[in-house]
Structure formats: C-alpha cells, structure tokens
Amino acid sequence: MDSSDDNKAEHSACQNIDTSSVQQTSSTHDDVTQKDDVTSSMTSQESDSGGGSPTNSADNISTSNTATVNTEELKQPIQESQPRESVDFKVIYNKKKFEVNFELDSTIADFKKHVETLTGVPFSMQKLMFKGLAKDHETLRTLKVTKGSKFMVVGSTINDVLAVSSVIPKEVQKEEDAATTSKESFCNQKVHKKVLDKYGKPEDALPGIQNKKVPLPQVPLTGMYNKAGGKVRLTFKLEVDQLWIGTKERTEKIQMNSIKAVVSEPLEGKEEYHMMGIQLGPTEASRYWIYWVPAQYVDSIKDSILGKWQLF
C-alpha cells in the first residue's frame, strides 16, 4: 500500500516537471518568435528607406532641416522675378497728350528721363506739375499717382531756345548793354523812386524775410502794387503754365513761356522786400513793375516762370 502511493507521487511529480519544461520551452519559443518579428520589421523599414545601415534620429533631423533651407532658397528667385507694380496715366505737353505706363516706385528724376524721350524737353529744363511742382526725390507712389492721372510738363526744347536766341533784335542788345553799363539801381531811378515815395509800404504787405528762399504758397501772392499804385496779386497756374496778374480792374492771363525775363532788386533800406519787373515783350519798356514783393519768394517766382535754367 505504501509502495503504491509512493509510485503515484513520483509519477505526478514527473508530470509536473514535464509540464513546466513544456511551458518554459513554449515561452522561449514565443520570445524568439517576437525577436524575429522585431528584427524582420527593422530590416523591412531599412529596406524601404533604401539604406543598408541604420540611420539615427539626429541624421533625420539634419536632413529635414537641409531640405527646408533648400526649399526656401528655391522660393527666393521666384519672388524676385515678380513684375513691379506700375500705373497708366497721361503726360501733357503743349496740348499734346502721351499715354504712359511707369513703375509706381520710380522717382520723378527717373520719370523725367522718360519724359525727355517723349517731349524733347531736356531733363534740367523740365518742371513736372502734379498737384503742384513734383520734386525729383519723390516717387509716383508717394505722390499718389493713380490710373488716369495727368502730369503737366513745363519747359522748352533746345530747338525752341536756339530759335529765340537767334532772333534777338539789335536794339534789344543795345538796351541790354546800356543797362549793364548803368550803375544806378532801380530804386534810385527817378520813375521808380517817385512811385515808392508816393505810395509807400502797403498796409496789407506780406511779411518779408531776407536771405531765405521759400516755395510759392498755394494761394495768390498779395500786398503789392504796380506803377499806378493799384493793388496787384500774382497767381501761378502751373498746371496750365500761366501767370495771372490780377488788379481791381482785370486779370491778365500770361503764358509763362512768352515771358522774356524777370528782374528784381531789393528795396533800399527795406531789403526784406524787392521790386520786380516781368518783361512781357522784347524790350525793357515792356516790363510790368511790381513793388513790395517779399524777398523770400523772389527766387521761387523766377524758377516758376523761367525754370532753373534761364536764357536771359
């Protein structure tokens, strides 16, 4: 009885050992299978990436950054090749109209070079008018030029200047020579001295500033008088190249390119004011005299009427 029980116990123990061995063997097999799967997966990924050797994450990041930089570099030339913004507008000179397309960020100085090819007016003799006198450093964009805008060109071609200079009468030359040799100032000439003594300084004279140049105001210049003592106002219609000389009785509208000369001289003892002669004809006798012109506007008046380049 005891021997039989011992045999059963030994047999049961052997079965337990065999079962444990089988379970361990099965577990080991599963681990090997999982490792093979992982290895196979890694091999597959390396094969898909086209590399036979593993690539670490740092290399991937470096490659990604390089790709990004190259993409940005490729974009840059495309942006530079884009056309600049331009605008269509008109240029008017001597009643002729020119259709123009020009870049908005171009300066007036650049535009004048193009205007010279259109009109024949040299760069240095041009005045471009757009809501007033356009300055060389300004751009079409800052001036707010839009589609359909109009530029007025004021100036003379070289041929016009040569034509005028070739027909100066001999008597005019004689008068110019006489004026040069005369040392008497305008103020001390009998005809002007009489006017100044009789009428004195106008009550509504604008303030005068000596040794200073100021652009013309947007409103007419007033507070002056002529030889007859009549009040005078000067209006500069640059958009149509005209000077308006207004009095109580009438307003003379004069084309600026018909004015032959503009002369001026400070008033003796009142140098912040000038007397000015606007020559409307071929001789000095045609000068229209204006008294008590504020000194700070004298150069701007001459520039507006004759341009910075003057024949006389």
Protein backbone atom coordinates (compact mmCIF):
# COMPACT_ATOMS: atom_id res chain seq x y z
CA MET A 1 0.00 0.00 0.00
CA ASP A 2 2.77 2.41 0.90
CA SER A 3 4.76 1.40 -2.21
CA SER A 4 1.82 2.05 -4.49
CA ASP A 5 1.29 5.57 -3.03
CA ASP A 6 4.96 6.39 -3.48
CA ASN A 7 4.82 5.38 -7.12
CA LYS A 8 1.80 7.62 -7.74
CA ALA A 9 3.54 10.55 -6.07
CA GLU A 10 6.66 10.10 -8.19
CA HIS A 11 4.57 9.82 -11.36
CA SER A 12 2.68 13.03 -10.52
CA ALA A 13 5.92 14.86 -9.83
CA CYS A 14 7.33 13.76 -13.20
CA GLN A 15 4.23 15.02 -14.97
CA ASN A 16 4.57 18.41 -13.24
CA ILE A 17 8.24 18.63 -14.25
CA ASP A 18 7.38 17.73 -17.88
CA THR A 19 4.55 20.27 -17.98
CA SER A 20 6.84 23.01 -16.61
CA SER A 21 9.52 22.13 -19.15
CA VAL A 22 6.97 22.29 -21.95
CA GLN A 23 5.73 25.70 -20.74
CA GLN A 24 9.31 27.06 -20.50
CA THR A 25 10.10 25.72 -23.94
CA SER A 26 6.91 27.32 -25.31
CA SER A 27 7.75 30.66 -23.64
CA THR A 28 11.27 30.61 -25.03
CA HIS A 29 9.92 29.86 -28.48
CA ASP A 30 7.49 32.78 -28.26
CA ASP A 31 10.30 35.15 -27.22
CA VAL A 32 12.43 34.02 -30.14
CA THR A 33 9.47 34.48 -32.48
CA GLN A 34 8.87 38.02 -31.17
CA LYS A 35 12.56 38.91 -31.57
CA ASP A 36 12.50 37.58 -35.12
CA ASP A 37 9.41 39.69 -35.84
CA VAL A 38 11.10 42.84 -34.49
CA THR A 39 14.27 42.11 -36.46
CA SER A 40 12.22 41.46 -39.59
CA SER A 41 10.31 44.72 -39.08
CA MET A 42 13.55 46.73 -38.70
CA THR A 43 15.02 45.07 -41.78
CA SER A 44 11.87 45.91 -43.72
CA GLN A 45 12.00 49.60 -42.65
CA GLU A 46 15.68 49.85 -43.63
CA SER A 47 14.89 48.24 -46.96
CA ASP A 48 12.02 50.69 -47.59
CA SER A 49 14.26 53.67 -46.75
CA GLY A 50 16.81 52.44 -49.28
CA GLY A 51 19.63 52.12 -46.77
CA GLY A 52 21.52 49.03 -45.75
CA SER A 53 22.64 50.54 -42.45
CA PRO A 54 20.54 52.06 -39.64
CA THR A 55 20.07 55.88 -39.55
CA ASN A 56 19.83 57.70 -36.23
CA SER A 57 17.26 60.43 -35.43
CA ALA A 58 19.86 63.25 -35.43
CA ASP A 59 20.70 62.47 -39.07
CA ASN A 60 17.00 62.53 -39.93
CA ILE A 61 16.58 65.97 -38.28
CA SER A 62 19.65 67.30 -40.09
CA THR A 63 18.34 66.03 -43.42
CA SER A 64 14.92 67.56 -42.73
CA ASN A 65 16.42 70.97 -41.91
CA THR A 66 18.58 70.87 -45.04
CA ALA A 67 15.53 70.13 -47.14
CA THR A 68 13.69 73.06 -45.61
CA VAL A 69 16.55 75.51 -46.29
CA ASN A 70 16.86 74.35 -49.87
CA THR A 71 13.14 74.84 -50.39
CA GLU A 72 13.33 78.42 -49.10
CA GLU A 73 16.31 79.12 -51.33
CA LEU A 74 14.39 77.89 -54.33
CA LYS A 75 11.49 80.19 -53.50
CA GLN A 76 13.65 83.35 -53.39
CA PRO A 77 14.34 83.75 -57.16
CA ILE A 78 10.64 83.30 -57.86
CA GLN A 79 9.78 86.26 -55.62
CA GLU A 80 12.45 88.47 -57.23
CA SER A 81 11.22 87.72 -60.73
CA GLN A 82 7.73 89.01 -59.99
CA PRO A 83 6.91 92.20 -62.00
CA ARG A 84 6.86 95.54 -60.17
CA GLU A 85 3.63 97.45 -59.78
CA SER A 86 3.04 100.09 -62.46
CA VAL A 87 0.28 102.57 -63.33
CA ASP A 88 -1.22 104.03 -66.51
CA PHE A 89 -1.52 107.83 -66.70
CA LYS A 90 -1.16 110.77 -69.10
CA VAL A 91 1.54 113.33 -69.78
CA ILE A 92 0.51 116.64 -71.34
CA TYR A 93 2.93 119.00 -73.09
CA ASN A 94 1.97 121.87 -75.41
CA LYS A 95 -1.55 120.45 -75.84
CA LYS A 96 -0.14 117.05 -76.79
CA LYS A 97 -1.14 114.02 -74.74
CA PHE A 98 1.05 110.98 -74.18
CA GLU A 99 -0.18 107.69 -72.70
CA VAL A 100 2.38 106.42 -70.20
CA ASN A 101 2.86 103.27 -68.13
CA PHE A 102 5.50 103.65 -65.41
CA GLU A 103 6.55 101.90 -62.20
CA LEU A 104 4.99 103.36 -59.04
CA ASP A 105 8.24 103.17 -57.06
CA SER A 106 10.22 105.15 -59.65
CA THR A 107 11.36 108.64 -58.69
CA ILE A 108 10.43 111.83 -60.50
CA ALA A 109 14.08 112.10 -61.55
CA ASP A 110 13.76 108.70 -63.30
CA PHE A 111 10.47 109.73 -64.85
CA LYS A 112 11.96 112.98 -66.23
CA LYS A 113 14.41 110.92 -68.28
CA HIS A 114 11.46 109.17 -69.91
CA VAL A 115 9.62 112.47 -70.41
CA GLU A 116 12.67 113.81 -72.26
CA THR A 117 12.34 110.99 -74.81
CA LEU A 118 8.65 111.84 -75.28
CA THR A 119 8.74 115.63 -75.48
CA GLY A 120 12.33 116.56 -76.31
CA VAL A 121 12.48 118.84 -73.23
CA PRO A 122 15.88 118.31 -71.53
CA PHE A 123 15.87 116.87 -68.02
CA SER A 124 17.33 120.05 -66.46
CA MET A 125 14.73 122.30 -68.11
CA GLN A 126 11.65 120.30 -67.07
CA LYS A 127 9.07 121.19 -64.45
CA LEU A 128 6.57 118.39 -63.83
CA MET A 129 3.29 119.50 -62.32
CA PHE A 130 1.06 117.12 -60.37
CA LYS A 131 -0.95 118.83 -57.64
CA GLY A 132 1.90 121.32 -57.56
CA LEU A 133 5.56 121.04 -58.51
CA ALA A 134 6.80 117.43 -58.32
CA LYS A 135 10.24 117.13 -56.70
CA ASP A 136 12.96 114.87 -58.06
CA HIS A 137 13.27 112.68 -54.93
CA GLU A 138 9.53 111.91 -54.75
CA THR A 139 8.08 108.72 -56.22
CA LEU A 140 4.87 108.17 -58.15
CA ARG A 141 3.58 106.18 -55.20
CA THR A 142 4.25 108.92 -52.62
CA LEU A 143 2.56 111.43 -54.95
CA LYS A 144 -0.43 109.06 -55.07
CA VAL A 145 -0.50 108.79 -58.85
CA THR A 146 -3.42 106.61 -59.93
CA LYS A 147 -4.80 105.32 -63.20
CA GLY A 148 -5.86 108.21 -65.42
CA SER A 149 -3.85 110.86 -63.54
CA LYS A 150 -2.35 113.75 -65.53
CA PHE A 151 1.14 115.25 -65.43
CA MET A 152 1.78 118.69 -66.94
CA VAL A 153 5.24 119.28 -68.44
CA VAL A 154 6.57 122.84 -68.40
CA GLY A 155 9.74 123.69 -70.32
CA SER A 156 11.30 124.44 -73.68
CA THR A 157 13.19 122.23 -76.08
CA ILE A 158 16.73 123.09 -77.15
CA ASN A 159 15.42 124.00 -80.62
CA ASP A 160 12.96 126.49 -79.11
CA VAL A 161 15.72 128.12 -77.06
CA LEU A 162 18.04 128.38 -80.05
CA ALA A 163 15.26 129.84 -82.18
CA VAL A 164 14.58 132.57 -79.62
CA SER A 165 18.24 133.42 -79.13
CA SER A 166 18.84 133.75 -82.86
CA VAL A 167 16.19 136.45 -83.41
CA ILE A 168 17.14 138.95 -80.70
CA PRO A 169 16.84 142.39 -82.36
CA LYS A 170 19.87 144.67 -82.40
CA GLU A 171 18.03 147.38 -80.50
CA VAL A 172 17.33 144.94 -77.67
CA GLN A 173 21.01 144.13 -77.47
CA LYS A 174 21.80 147.84 -77.28
CA GLU A 175 19.36 148.30 -74.41
CA GLU A 176 20.88 145.34 -72.57
CA ASP A 177 24.33 146.80 -73.00
CA ALA A 178 23.15 150.19 -71.73
CA ALA A 179 21.56 148.59 -68.68
CA THR A 180 24.80 146.75 -67.95
CA THR A 181 26.93 149.88 -68.05
CA SER A 182 24.47 151.83 -65.90
CA LYS A 183 25.32 151.64 -62.20
CA GLU A 184 22.18 153.36 -60.99
CA SER A 185 19.92 150.99 -59.05
CA PHE A 186 16.27 150.58 -59.96
CA CYS A 187 15.20 152.08 -56.64
CA ASN A 188 17.12 155.29 -57.34
CA GLN A 189 15.83 155.71 -60.87
CA LYS A 190 13.51 158.67 -60.99
CA VAL A 191 10.45 156.79 -62.24
CA HIS A 192 10.61 154.12 -59.52
CA LYS A 193 11.65 156.45 -56.72
CA LYS A 194 8.61 158.57 -57.44
CA VAL A 195 6.27 155.57 -57.14
CA LEU A 196 7.84 154.32 -53.92
CA ASP A 197 7.80 157.77 -52.29
CA LYS A 198 4.18 158.38 -53.30
CA TYR A 199 2.60 155.12 -52.19
CA GLY A 200 4.97 153.83 -49.51
CA LYS A 201 4.60 150.40 -47.98
CA PRO A 202 1.18 148.75 -48.47
CA GLU A 203 -0.82 148.17 -45.29
CA ASP A 204 -1.55 144.58 -46.35
CA ALA A 205 2.04 143.75 -47.39
CA LEU A 206 3.00 140.17 -46.56
CA PRO A 207 5.89 139.72 -44.10
CA GLY A 208 9.26 139.76 -45.85
CA ILE A 209 12.26 137.57 -44.94
CA GLN A 210 15.75 138.46 -46.11
CA ASN A 211 18.31 135.88 -47.34
CA LYS A 212 15.85 133.00 -47.45
CA LYS A 213 14.16 131.07 -50.24
CA VAL A 214 10.63 129.79 -49.67
CA PRO A 215 8.43 127.79 -52.10
CA LEU A 216 5.44 129.61 -53.53
CA PRO A 217 2.30 129.32 -51.42
CA GLN A 218 -0.80 127.56 -52.73
CA VAL A 219 -2.71 130.87 -52.62
CA PRO A 220 -2.07 134.04 -54.67
CA LEU A 221 0.61 136.49 -53.56
CA THR A 222 -0.96 139.79 -52.46
CA GLY A 223 0.01 143.01 -50.64
CA MET A 224 1.85 144.55 -53.63
CA TYR A 225 1.13 147.36 -56.11
CA ASN A 226 2.08 148.44 -59.65
CA LYS A 227 3.34 151.73 -61.11
CA ALA A 228 -0.09 153.28 -60.86
CA GLY A 229 -0.39 152.31 -57.20
CA GLY A 230 -3.06 149.74 -57.96
CA LYS A 231 -3.12 146.59 -55.83
CA VAL A 232 -1.66 143.54 -57.53
CA ARG A 233 -1.97 139.82 -56.87
CA LEU A 234 0.07 137.11 -58.58
CA THR A 235 -1.43 133.67 -59.18
CA PHE A 236 0.73 130.87 -60.54
CA LYS A 237 -1.33 128.41 -62.59
CA LEU A 238 1.45 125.91 -63.10
CA GLU A 239 -0.88 123.18 -64.34
CA VAL A 240 -1.57 125.30 -67.47
CA ASP A 241 1.80 127.12 -67.50
CA GLN A 242 0.24 130.52 -66.87
CA LEU A 243 0.89 133.54 -64.67
CA TRP A 244 -2.20 135.54 -63.72
CA ILE A 245 -1.57 139.20 -62.88
CA GLY A 246 -4.70 140.46 -61.16
CA THR A 247 -5.76 144.03 -60.39
CA LYS A 248 -9.04 145.58 -59.32
CA GLU A 249 -9.95 146.20 -62.95
CA ARG A 250 -8.86 143.00 -64.70
CA THR A 251 -6.80 139.80 -64.65
CA GLU A 252 -4.15 139.21 -67.31
CA LYS A 253 -3.53 135.53 -68.08
CA ILE A 254 0.00 135.23 -69.48
CA GLN A 255 1.69 132.11 -70.83
CA MET A 256 4.90 131.66 -68.91
CA ASN A 257 6.90 130.65 -71.98
CA SER A 258 6.09 134.06 -73.51
CA ILE A 259 7.76 135.96 -70.65
CA LYS A 260 11.20 137.09 -71.79
CA ALA A 261 12.85 137.96 -68.47
CA VAL A 262 12.28 138.61 -64.78
CA VAL A 263 14.49 141.13 -62.96
CA SER A 264 14.41 142.20 -59.33
CA GLU A 265 16.24 144.31 -56.79
CA PRO A 266 15.96 144.77 -53.01
CA LEU A 267 14.31 147.98 -51.87
CA GLU A 268 16.89 150.31 -50.38
CA GLY A 269 16.60 150.28 -46.60
CA LYS A 270 13.92 147.56 -46.79
CA GLU A 271 15.94 144.64 -48.14
CA GLU A 272 13.34 142.09 -47.00
CA TYR A 273 11.26 143.33 -49.95
CA HIS A 274 12.01 143.61 -53.67
CA MET A 275 10.75 145.47 -56.70
CA MET A 276 10.31 143.14 -59.66
CA GLY A 277 9.99 143.66 -63.41
CA ILE A 278 8.28 140.98 -65.53
CA GLN A 279 9.26 141.50 -69.17
CA LEU A 280 6.29 140.69 -71.40
CA GLY A 281 7.80 141.83 -74.70
CA PRO A 282 11.16 142.08 -76.48
CA THR A 283 12.29 145.35 -74.85
CA GLU A 284 12.73 146.68 -71.34
CA ALA A 285 9.89 149.09 -71.94
CA SER A 286 7.51 146.09 -71.77
CA ARG A 287 8.42 145.30 -68.18
CA TYR A 288 5.49 145.17 -65.77
CA TRP A 289 6.77 146.53 -62.46
CA ILE A 290 5.57 145.28 -59.09
CA TYR A 291 6.66 146.74 -55.75
CA TRP A 292 7.00 145.25 -52.25
CA VAL A 293 7.46 141.64 -53.28
CA PRO A 294 8.52 139.58 -50.19
CA ALA A 295 12.20 138.68 -50.65
CA GLN A 296 11.75 135.00 -49.69
CA TYR A 297 9.53 134.38 -52.76
CA VAL A 298 11.69 136.11 -55.40
CA ASP A 299 13.79 133.08 -56.42
CA SER A 300 10.75 130.78 -56.47
CA ILE A 301 8.90 133.23 -58.72
CA LYS A 302 11.81 133.27 -61.17
CA ASP A 303 12.14 129.49 -61.10
CA SER A 304 8.42 129.02 -61.71
CA ILE A 305 8.28 131.43 -64.64
CA LEU A 306 11.61 130.80 -66.36
CA GLY A 307 12.75 127.48 -64.92
CA LYS A 308 16.07 126.93 -63.16
CA TRP A 309 17.85 127.21 -66.50
CA GLN A 310 17.42 130.73 -67.86
CA LEU A 311 18.40 132.19 -71.23
CA PHE A 312 18.38 135.81 -70.11
